Amino acid sequence: YQERQLIGAMSVMENVFLDDLHEKFGFVRKAELKRKTQEIIEAF
């Protein structure tokens, strides 16, 4: 949408993967989120 559906207080990676936070045993795997998001950022 033109009207952005983002959560301003969260990071880029958390917004990009909001519906798939790569959880393991209830914990978010931030290193994996960061790596995958950075790959998309570089592609853009």
All heavy atoms as atom14 arrays in JSON, in Angstrom:
{
  "sequence": "YQERQLIGAMSVMENVFLDDLHEKFGFVRKAELKRKTQEIIEAF",
  "atom14_mask": [
    [1, 1, 1, 1, 1, 1, 1, 1, 1, 1, 1, 1, 0, 0],
    [1, 1, 1, 1, 1, 1, 1, 1, 1, 0, 0, 0, 0, 0],
    [1, 1, 1, 1, 1, 1, 1, 1, 1, 0, 0, 0, 0, 0],
    [1, 1, 1, 1, 1, 1, 1, 1, 1, 1, 1, 0, 0, 0],
    [1, 1, 1, 1, 1, 1, 1, 1, 1, 0, 0, 0, 0, 0],
    [1, 1, 1, 1, 1, 1, 1, 1, 0, 0, 0, 0, 0, 0],
    [1, 1, 1, 1, 1, 1, 1, 1, 0, 0, 0, 0, 0, 0],
    [1, 1, 1, 1, 0, 0, 0, 0, 0, 0, 0, 0, 0, 0],
    [1, 1, 1, 1, 1, 0, 0, 0, 0, 0, 0, 0, 0, 0],
    [1, 1, 1, 1, 1, 1, 1, 1, 0, 0, 0, 0, 0, 0],
    [1, 1, 1, 1, 1, 1, 0, 0, 0, 0, 0, 0, 0, 0],
    [1, 1, 1, 1, 1, 1, 1, 0, 0, 0, 0, 0, 0, 0],
    [1, 1, 1, 1, 1, 1, 1, 1, 0, 0, 0, 0, 0, 0],
    [1, 1, 1, 1, 1, 1, 1, 1, 1, 0, 0, 0, 0, 0],
    [1, 1, 1, 1, 1, 1, 1, 1, 0, 0, 0, 0, 0, 0],
    [1, 1, 1, 1, 1, 1, 1, 0, 0, 0, 0, 0, 0, 0],
    [1, 1, 1, 1, 1, 1, 1, 1, 1, 1, 1, 0, 0, 0],
    [1, 1, 1, 1, 1, 1, 1, 1, 0, 0, 0, 0, 0, 0],
    [1, 1, 1, 1, 1, 1, 1, 1, 0, 0, 0, 0, 0, 0],
    [1, 1, 1, 1, 1, 1, 1, 1, 0, 0, 0, 0, 0, 0],
    [1, 1, 1, 1, 1, 1, 1, 1, 0, 0, 0, 0, 0, 0],
    [1, 1, 1, 1, 1, 1, 1, 1, 1, 1, 0, 0, 0, 0],
    [1, 1, 1, 1, 1, 1, 1, 1, 1, 0, 0, 0, 0, 0],
    [1, 1, 1, 1, 1, 1, 1, 1, 1, 0, 0, 0, 0, 0],
    [1, 1, 1, 1, 1, 1, 1, 1, 1, 1, 1, 0, 0, 0],
    [1, 1, 1, 1, 0, 0, 0, 0, 0, 0, 0, 0, 0, 0],
    [1, 1, 1, 1, 1, 1, 1, 1, 1, 1, 1, 0, 0, 0],
    [1, 1, 1, 1, 1, 1, 1, 0, 0, 0, 0, 0, 0, 0],
    [1, 1, 1, 1, 1, 1, 1, 1, 1, 1, 1, 0, 0, 0],
    [1, 1, 1, 1, 1, 1, 1, 1, 1, 0, 0, 0, 0, 0],
    [1, 1, 1, 1, 1, 0, 0, 0, 0, 0, 0, 0, 0, 0],
    [1, 1, 1, 1, 1, 1, 1, 1, 1, 0, 0, 0, 0, 0],
    [1, 1, 1, 1, 1, 1, 1, 1, 0, 0, 0, 0, 0, 0],
    [1, 1, 1, 1, 1, 1, 1, 1, 1, 0, 0, 0, 0, 0],
    [1, 1, 1, 1, 1, 1, 1, 1, 1, 1, 1, 0, 0, 0],
    [1, 1, 1, 1, 1, 1, 1, 1, 1, 0, 0, 0, 0, 0],
    [1, 1, 1, 1, 1, 1, 1, 0, 0, 0, 0, 0, 0, 0],
    [1, 1, 1, 1, 1, 1, 1, 1, 1, 0, 0, 0, 0, 0],
    [1, 1, 1, 1, 1, 1, 1, 1, 1, 0, 0, 0, 0, 0],
    [1, 1, 1, 1, 1, 1, 1, 1, 0, 0, 0, 0, 0, 0],
    [1, 1, 1, 1, 1, 1, 1, 1, 0, 0, 0, 0, 0, 0],
    [1, 1, 1, 1, 1, 1, 1, 1, 1, 0, 0, 0, 0, 0],
    [1, 1, 1, 1, 1, 0, 0, 0, 0, 0, 0, 0, 0, 0],
    [1, 1, 1, 1, 1, 1, 1, 1, 1, 1, 1, 0, 0, 0]
  ],
  "atom14_positions": [
    [[0.82, -1.21, 0.0], [0.0, 0.0, 0.0], [0.85, 1.26, 0.0], [1.99, 1.27, 0.49], [-0.92, 0.03, 1.22], [-2.02, -1.0, 1.2], [-2.07, -2.0, 2.17], [-3.0, -0.96, 0.23], [-3.08, -2.94, 2.16], [-4.02, -1.9, 0.21], [-4.06, -2.89, 1.18], [-5.05, -3.82, 1.17], [0.0, 0.0, 0.0], [0.0, 0.0, 0.0]],
    [[0.26, 2.34, -0.52], [0.92, 3.64, -0.45], [1.08, 4.05, 1.02], [2.09, 4.62, 1.41], [0.08, 4.69, -1.19], [0.68, 6.08, -1.17], [-0.22, 7.09, -1.86], [-1.24, 6.73, -2.43], [0.13, 8.35, -1.78], [0.0, 0.0, 0.0], [0.0, 0.0, 0.0], [0.0, 0.0, 0.0], [0.0, 0.0, 0.0], [0.0, 0.0, 0.0]],
    [[0.05, 3.76, 1.84], [0.14, 4.02, 3.27], [0.93, 2.88, 3.9], [0.46, 1.73, 3.93], [-1.25, 4.11, 3.91], [-2.08, 5.26, 3.41], [-2.77, 4.93, 2.09], [-2.96, 3.73, 1.79], [-3.09, 5.86, 1.35], [0.0, 0.0, 0.0], [0.0, 0.0, 0.0], [0.0, 0.0, 0.0], [0.0, 0.0, 0.0], [0.0, 0.0, 0.0]],
    [[2.1, 3.16, 4.37], [3.02, 2.13, 4.81], [2.48, 1.35, 6.01], [1.94, 1.93, 6.95], [4.38, 2.76, 5.13], [5.05, 3.37, 3.91], [6.27, 4.19, 4.26], [5.98, 5.34, 5.09], [5.45, 6.47, 4.63], [5.17, 6.58, 3.35], [5.22, 7.48, 5.43], [0.0, 0.0, 0.0], [0.0, 0.0, 0.0], [0.0, 0.0, 0.0]],
    [[2.64, 0.02, 5.96], [2.2, -0.87, 7.04], [3.43, -1.32, 7.83], [3.81, -2.49, 7.8], [1.47, -2.08, 6.44], [0.45, -1.75, 5.37], [-0.8, -1.12, 5.93], [-1.45, -1.67, 6.81], [-1.15, 0.05, 5.43], [0.0, 0.0, 0.0], [0.0, 0.0, 0.0], [0.0, 0.0, 0.0], [0.0, 0.0, 0.0], [0.0, 0.0, 0.0]],
    [[4.05, -0.39, 8.51], [5.3, -0.66, 9.22], [5.16, -0.34, 10.71], [4.3, 0.45, 11.1], [6.44, 0.18, 8.63], [6.77, -0.06, 7.15], [7.74, 1.0, 6.65], [7.35, -1.46, 6.95], [0.0, 0.0, 0.0], [0.0, 0.0, 0.0], [0.0, 0.0, 0.0], [0.0, 0.0, 0.0], [0.0, 0.0, 0.0], [0.0, 0.0, 0.0]],
    [[6.02, -0.95, 11.51], [6.07, -0.65, 12.94], [7.32, 0.18, 13.17], [8.45, -0.32, 13.13], [6.1, -1.94, 13.78], [4.84, -2.77, 13.47], [6.16, -1.61, 15.27], [4.82, -4.12, 14.16], [0.0, 0.0, 0.0], [0.0, 0.0, 0.0], [0.0, 0.0, 0.0], [0.0, 0.0, 0.0], [0.0, 0.0, 0.0], [0.0, 0.0, 0.0]],
    [[7.12, 1.46, 13.4], [8.23, 2.41, 13.45], [9.25, 2.14, 14.53], [10.43, 2.46, 14.38], [0.0, 0.0, 0.0], [0.0, 0.0, 0.0], [0.0, 0.0, 0.0], [0.0, 0.0, 0.0], [0.0, 0.0, 0.0], [0.0, 0.0, 0.0], [0.0, 0.0, 0.0], [0.0, 0.0, 0.0], [0.0, 0.0, 0.0], [0.0, 0.0, 0.0]],
    [[8.84, 1.54, 15.64], [9.76, 1.32, 16.76], [10.61, 0.07, 16.57], [11.54, -0.17, 17.36], [8.97, 1.21, 18.07], [0.0, 0.0, 0.0], [0.0, 0.0, 0.0], [0.0, 0.0, 0.0], [0.0, 0.0, 0.0], [0.0, 0.0, 0.0], [0.0, 0.0, 0.0], [0.0, 0.0, 0.0], [0.0, 0.0, 0.0], [0.0, 0.0, 0.0]],
    [[10.32, -0.71, 15.52], [11.08, -1.94, 15.29], [12.12, -1.73, 14.19], [12.06, -0.77, 13.43], [10.13, -3.07, 14.91], [9.17, -3.45, 16.03], [7.98, -4.76, 15.57], [9.08, -6.18, 15.53], [0.0, 0.0, 0.0], [0.0, 0.0, 0.0], [0.0, 0.0, 0.0], [0.0, 0.0, 0.0], [0.0, 0.0, 0.0], [0.0, 0.0, 0.0]],
    [[13.06, -2.65, 14.11], [14.15, -2.55, 13.14], [13.68, -2.93, 11.75], [12.58, -3.48, 11.56], [15.31, -3.46, 13.55], [14.91, -4.81, 13.44], [0.0, 0.0, 0.0], [0.0, 0.0, 0.0], [0.0, 0.0, 0.0], [0.0, 0.0, 0.0], [0.0, 0.0, 0.0], [0.0, 0.0, 0.0], [0.0, 0.0, 0.0], [0.0, 0.0, 0.0]],
    [[14.54, -2.66, 10.77], [14.25, -3.04, 9.38], [14.04, -4.55, 9.3], [13.07, -5.04, 8.71], [15.39, -2.59, 8.44], [15.17, -3.16, 7.04], [15.47, -1.07, 8.39], [0.0, 0.0, 0.0], [0.0, 0.0, 0.0], [0.0, 0.0, 0.0], [0.0, 0.0, 0.0], [0.0, 0.0, 0.0], [0.0, 0.0, 0.0], [0.0, 0.0, 0.0]],
    [[14.94, -5.31, 9.9], [14.85, -6.77, 9.78], [13.6, -7.32, 10.44], [12.98, -8.28, 9.95], [16.11, -7.44, 10.33], [16.35, -7.25, 11.82], [17.95, -7.99, 12.29], [17.9, -7.79, 14.08], [0.0, 0.0, 0.0], [0.0, 0.0, 0.0], [0.0, 0.0, 0.0], [0.0, 0.0, 0.0], [0.0, 0.0, 0.0], [0.0, 0.0, 0.0]],
    [[13.2, -6.72, 11.55], [11.99, -7.19, 12.23], [10.74, -6.88, 11.41], [9.79, -7.66, 11.39], [11.9, -6.55, 13.61], [12.93, -7.1, 14.59], [13.05, -6.27, 15.85], [12.89, -5.03, 15.77], [13.33, -6.84, 16.91], [0.0, 0.0, 0.0], [0.0, 0.0, 0.0], [0.0, 0.0, 0.0], [0.0, 0.0, 0.0], [0.0, 0.0, 0.0]],
    [[10.73, -5.75, 10.73], [9.6, -5.41, 9.87], [9.55, -6.31, 8.64], [8.49, -6.77, 8.25], [9.68, -3.94, 9.45], [9.02, -3.0, 10.43], [7.8, -2.8, 10.4], [9.83, -2.44, 11.33], [0.0, 0.0, 0.0], [0.0, 0.0, 0.0], [0.0, 0.0, 0.0], [0.0, 0.0, 0.0], [0.0, 0.0, 0.0], [0.0, 0.0, 0.0]],
    [[10.69, -6.55, 8.04], [10.73, -7.36, 6.82], [10.3, -8.8, 7.1], [9.61, -9.42, 6.29], [12.15, -7.32, 6.2], [12.28, -8.34, 5.07], [12.46, -5.92, 5.67], [0.0, 0.0, 0.0], [0.0, 0.0, 0.0], [0.0, 0.0, 0.0], [0.0, 0.0, 0.0], [0.0, 0.0, 0.0], [0.0, 0.0, 0.0], [0.0, 0.0, 0.0]],
    [[10.66, -9.33, 8.26], [10.34, -10.73, 8.6], [9.3, -10.84, 9.72], [9.29, -11.82, 10.45], [11.62, -11.46, 9.03], [12.53, -11.83, 7.89], [13.55, -10.97, 7.49], [12.36, -13.03, 7.21], [14.39, -11.31, 6.44], [13.21, -13.38, 6.17], [14.22, -12.52, 5.77], [0.0, 0.0, 0.0], [0.0, 0.0, 0.0], [0.0, 0.0, 0.0]],
    [[8.43, -9.86, 9.81], [7.5, -9.81, 10.94], [6.64, -11.07, 11.06], [6.33, -11.52, 12.16], [6.6, -8.57, 10.82], [5.72, -8.26, 12.04], [6.58, -8.04, 13.28], [4.86, -7.04, 11.79], [0.0, 0.0, 0.0], [0.0, 0.0, 0.0], [0.0, 0.0, 0.0], [0.0, 0.0, 0.0], [0.0, 0.0, 0.0], [0.0, 0.0, 0.0]],
    [[6.22, -11.65, 9.93], [5.37, -12.84, 9.98], [6.18, -14.14, 9.91], [5.62, -15.22, 9.8], [4.35, -12.82, 8.83], [5.01, -12.74, 7.46], [6.17, -12.3, 7.39], [4.37, -13.12, 6.46], [0.0, 0.0, 0.0], [0.0, 0.0, 0.0], [0.0, 0.0, 0.0], [0.0, 0.0, 0.0], [0.0, 0.0, 0.0], [0.0, 0.0, 0.0]],
    [[7.5, -14.0, 10.01], [8.37, -15.19, 9.96], [9.7, -14.84, 10.63], [10.73, -14.64, 9.97], [8.6, -15.63, 8.51], [9.42, -16.91, 8.4], [9.58, -17.6, 9.43], [9.91, -17.2, 7.3], [0.0, 0.0, 0.0], [0.0, 0.0, 0.0], [0.0, 0.0, 0.0], [0.0, 0.0, 0.0], [0.0, 0.0, 0.0], [0.0, 0.0, 0.0]],
    [[9.67, -14.76, 11.96], [10.82, -14.24, 12.69], [11.92, -15.27, 12.97], [12.82, -15.03, 13.77], [10.35, -13.64, 14.03], [9.56, -12.32, 13.9], [9.04, -11.89, 15.26], [10.44, -11.23, 13.29], [0.0, 0.0, 0.0], [0.0, 0.0, 0.0], [0.0, 0.0, 0.0], [0.0, 0.0, 0.0], [0.0, 0.0, 0.0], [0.0, 0.0, 0.0]],
    [[11.86, -16.42, 12.31], [12.91, -17.45, 12.44], [13.15, -17.82, 13.91], [14.27, -17.74, 14.42], [14.22, -16.94, 11.81], [14.15, -16.81, 10.33], [14.5, -17.81, 9.47], [13.72, -15.78, 9.55], [14.33, -17.41, 8.21], [13.83, -16.19, 8.25], [0.0, 0.0, 0.0], [0.0, 0.0, 0.0], [0.0, 0.0, 0.0], [0.0, 0.0, 0.0]],
    [[12.07, -18.21, 14.55], [12.17, -18.58, 15.96], [12.7, -20.0, 16.13], [12.48, -20.88, 15.3], [10.8, -18.48, 16.64], [10.28, -17.05, 16.76], [8.91, -17.01, 17.39], [8.07, -17.86, 17.04], [8.69, -16.14, 18.24], [0.0, 0.0, 0.0], [0.0, 0.0, 0.0], [0.0, 0.0, 0.0], [0.0, 0.0, 0.0], [0.0, 0.0, 0.0]],
    [[13.43, -20.23, 17.2], [13.91, -21.56, 17.57], [13.8, -21.68, 19.08], [14.4, -20.88, 19.81], [15.36, -21.77, 17.12], [15.85, -23.21, 17.34], [17.23, -23.41, 16.73], [17.66, -24.87, 16.87], [18.99, -25.1, 16.27], [0.0, 0.0, 0.0], [0.0, 0.0, 0.0], [0.0, 0.0, 0.0], [0.0, 0.0, 0.0], [0.0, 0.0, 0.0]],
    [[12.98, -22.64, 19.51], [12.72, -22.83, 20.95], [12.18, -21.54, 21.59], [12.52, -21.21, 22.73], [13.98, -23.3, 21.68], [14.6, -24.53, 21.09], [15.9, -24.52, 20.61], [13.86, -25.72, 21.0], [16.45, -25.66, 20.05], [14.42, -26.87, 20.44], [15.71, -26.85, 19.98], [0.0, 0.0, 0.0], [0.0, 0.0, 0.0], [0.0, 0.0, 0.0]],
    [[11.36, -20.79, 20.8], [10.75, -19.58, 21.35], [11.62, -18.34, 21.28], [11.19, -17.26, 21.7], [0.0, 0.0, 0.0], [0.0, 0.0, 0.0], [0.0, 0.0, 0.0], [0.0, 0.0, 0.0], [0.0, 0.0, 0.0], [0.0, 0.0, 0.0], [0.0, 0.0, 0.0], [0.0, 0.0, 0.0], [0.0, 0.0, 0.0], [0.0, 0.0, 0.0]],
    [[12.85, -18.47, 20.75], [13.75, -17.32, 20.66], [13.97, -16.93, 19.2], [14.13, -17.8, 18.33], [15.11, -17.65, 21.3], [15.03, -17.91, 22.79], [14.92, -19.21, 23.27], [15.03, -16.85, 23.68], [14.83, -19.46, 24.63], [14.95, -17.09, 25.05], [14.84, -18.38, 25.53], [0.0, 0.0, 0.0], [0.0, 0.0, 0.0], [0.0, 0.0, 0.0]],
    [[13.97, -15.63, 18.94], [14.21, -15.13, 17.59], [15.69, -15.25, 17.25], [16.55, -14.84, 18.04], [13.78, -13.65, 17.47], [14.16, -13.1, 16.09], [12.28, -13.53, 17.7], [0.0, 0.0, 0.0], [0.0, 0.0, 0.0], [0.0, 0.0, 0.0], [0.0, 0.0, 0.0], [0.0, 0.0, 0.0], [0.0, 0.0, 0.0], [0.0, 0.0, 0.0]],
    [[15.98, -15.84, 16.1], [17.38, -15.99, 15.67], [17.82, -14.71, 14.95], [17.75, -14.6, 13.72], [17.51, -17.22, 14.77], [17.33, -18.53, 15.54], [17.47, -19.74, 14.64], [16.28, -19.92, 13.81], [16.13, -20.9, 12.92], [17.1, -21.79, 12.75], [15.04, -21.0, 12.2], [0.0, 0.0, 0.0], [0.0, 0.0, 0.0], [0.0, 0.0, 0.0]],
    [[18.25, -13.73, 15.72], [18.53, -12.4, 15.18], [19.68, -12.4, 14.18], [19.67, -11.63, 13.22], [18.82, -11.42, 16.33], [17.59, -11.11, 17.17], [17.87, -9.99, 18.16], [16.6, -9.64, 18.92], [16.82, -8.53, 19.88], [0.0, 0.0, 0.0], [0.0, 0.0, 0.0], [0.0, 0.0, 0.0], [0.0, 0.0, 0.0], [0.0, 0.0, 0.0]],
    [[20.65, -13.23, 14.4], [21.79, -13.27, 13.47], [21.33, -13.69, 12.08], [21.76, -13.11, 11.06], [22.87, -14.22, 13.99], [0.0, 0.0, 0.0], [0.0, 0.0, 0.0], [0.0, 0.0, 0.0], [0.0, 0.0, 0.0], [0.0, 0.0, 0.0], [0.0, 0.0, 0.0], [0.0, 0.0, 0.0], [0.0, 0.0, 0.0], [0.0, 0.0, 0.0]],
    [[20.43, -14.67, 12.02], [19.91, -15.14, 10.74], [19.03, -14.06, 10.09], [19.1, -13.82, 8.88], [19.12, -16.43, 10.93], [18.67, -17.06, 9.61], [18.01, -18.41, 9.82], [17.97, -18.89, 10.97], [17.54, -18.99, 8.82], [0.0, 0.0, 0.0], [0.0, 0.0, 0.0], [0.0, 0.0, 0.0], [0.0, 0.0, 0.0], [0.0, 0.0, 0.0]],
    [[18.19, -13.42, 10.92], [17.36, -12.32, 10.42], [18.22, -11.21, 9.82], [17.95, -10.7, 8.73], [16.52, -11.71, 11.55], [15.23, -12.41, 11.98], [14.5, -11.54, 12.99], [14.34, -12.7, 10.8], [0.0, 0.0, 0.0], [0.0, 0.0, 0.0], [0.0, 0.0, 0.0], [0.0, 0.0, 0.0], [0.0, 0.0, 0.0], [0.0, 0.0, 0.0]],
    [[19.26, -10.85, 10.55], [20.14, -9.76, 10.11], [20.81, -10.12, 8.79], [20.88, -9.3, 7.87], [21.18, -9.48, 11.19], [22.12, -8.33, 10.85], [23.11, -8.09, 12.0], [24.1, -6.98, 11.66], [25.06, -6.76, 12.76], [0.0, 0.0, 0.0], [0.0, 0.0, 0.0], [0.0, 0.0, 0.0], [0.0, 0.0, 0.0], [0.0, 0.0, 0.0]],
    [[21.31, -11.35, 8.69], [22.02, -11.77, 7.48], [21.09, -11.75, 6.27], [21.45, -11.21, 5.2], [22.61, -13.17, 7.68], [23.29, -13.75, 6.44], [23.82, -15.15, 6.69], [22.78, -16.08, 7.07], [21.93, -16.64, 6.2], [22.02, -16.37, 4.9], [21.01, -17.5, 6.63], [0.0, 0.0, 0.0], [0.0, 0.0, 0.0], [0.0, 0.0, 0.0]],
    [[19.91, -12.34, 6.41], [18.99, -12.42, 5.29], [18.47, -11.04, 4.88], [18.3, -10.76, 3.69], [17.83, -13.35, 5.63], [18.23, -14.81, 5.73], [17.02, -15.73, 5.86], [17.45, -17.19, 5.78], [16.28, -18.11, 5.84], [0.0, 0.0, 0.0], [0.0, 0.0, 0.0], [0.0, 0.0, 0.0], [0.0, 0.0, 0.0], [0.0, 0.0, 0.0]],
    [[18.2, -10.2, 5.88], [17.72, -8.85, 5.56], [18.8, -8.04, 4.87], [18.52, -7.31, 3.91], [17.27, -8.12, 6.84], [16.27, -8.9, 7.5], [16.69, -6.74, 6.5], [0.0, 0.0, 0.0], [0.0, 0.0, 0.0], [0.0, 0.0, 0.0], [0.0, 0.0, 0.0], [0.0, 0.0, 0.0], [0.0, 0.0, 0.0], [0.0, 0.0, 0.0]],
    [[20.04, -8.18, 5.33], [21.13, -7.43, 4.72], [21.34, -7.86, 3.27], [21.68, -7.03, 2.42], [22.42, -7.62, 5.53], [23.45, -6.51, 5.31], [22.94, -5.13, 5.74], [22.37, -4.97, 6.81], [23.15, -4.14, 4.87], [0.0, 0.0, 0.0], [0.0, 0.0, 0.0], [0.0, 0.0, 0.0], [0.0, 0.0, 0.0], [0.0, 0.0, 0.0]],
    [[21.11, -9.13, 2.97], [21.21, -9.6, 1.59], [20.17, -8.91, 0.7], [20.47, -8.51, -0.43], [21.0, -11.12, 1.54], [22.17, -11.93, 2.09], [21.89, -13.42, 2.12], [20.74, -13.81, 1.74], [22.77, -14.2, 2.51], [0.0, 0.0, 0.0], [0.0, 0.0, 0.0], [0.0, 0.0, 0.0], [0.0, 0.0, 0.0], [0.0, 0.0, 0.0]],
    [[18.95, -8.75, 1.24], [17.9, -8.07, 0.48], [18.24, -6.59, 0.31], [18.08, -6.02, -0.78], [16.53, -8.23, 1.18], [16.15, -9.7, 1.26], [15.45, -7.44, 0.43], [14.9, -9.97, 2.09], [0.0, 0.0, 0.0], [0.0, 0.0, 0.0], [0.0, 0.0, 0.0], [0.0, 0.0, 0.0], [0.0, 0.0, 0.0], [0.0, 0.0, 0.0]],
    [[18.74, -5.97, 1.37], [19.12, -4.56, 1.31], [20.18, -4.34, 0.23], [20.11, -3.38, -0.55], [19.64, -4.07, 2.69], [18.48, -4.0, 3.69], [20.33, -2.72, 2.56], [18.92, -3.73, 5.11], [0.0, 0.0, 0.0], [0.0, 0.0, 0.0], [0.0, 0.0, 0.0], [0.0, 0.0, 0.0], [0.0, 0.0, 0.0], [0.0, 0.0, 0.0]],
    [[21.16, -5.24, 0.18], [22.22, -5.11, -0.82], [21.69, -5.33, -2.23], [22.12, -4.67, -3.19], [23.34, -6.1, -0.49], [24.12, -5.71, 0.76], [25.08, -6.79, 1.24], [25.2, -7.81, 0.53], [25.69, -6.62, 2.32], [0.0, 0.0, 0.0], [0.0, 0.0, 0.0], [0.0, 0.0, 0.0], [0.0, 0.0, 0.0], [0.0, 0.0, 0.0]],
    [[20.71, -6.24, -2.37], [20.09, -6.46, -3.68], [19.35, -5.22, -4.15], [19.29, -4.93, -5.34], [19.14, -7.65, -3.61], [0.0, 0.0, 0.0], [0.0, 0.0, 0.0], [0.0, 0.0, 0.0], [0.0, 0.0, 0.0], [0.0, 0.0, 0.0], [0.0, 0.0, 0.0], [0.0, 0.0, 0.0], [0.0, 0.0, 0.0], [0.0, 0.0, 0.0]],
    [[18.8, -4.47, -3.18], [18.09, -3.22, -3.5], [19.04, -2.03, -3.62], [18.63, -0.96, -4.08], [17.05, -2.92, -2.42], [15.75, -3.65, -2.58], [15.7, -5.03, -2.69], [14.56, -2.96, -2.63], [14.51, -5.72, -2.83], [13.35, -3.63, -2.78], [13.32, -5.01, -2.88], [0.0, 0.0, 0.0], [0.0, 0.0, 0.0], [0.0, 0.0, 0.0]]
  ]
}
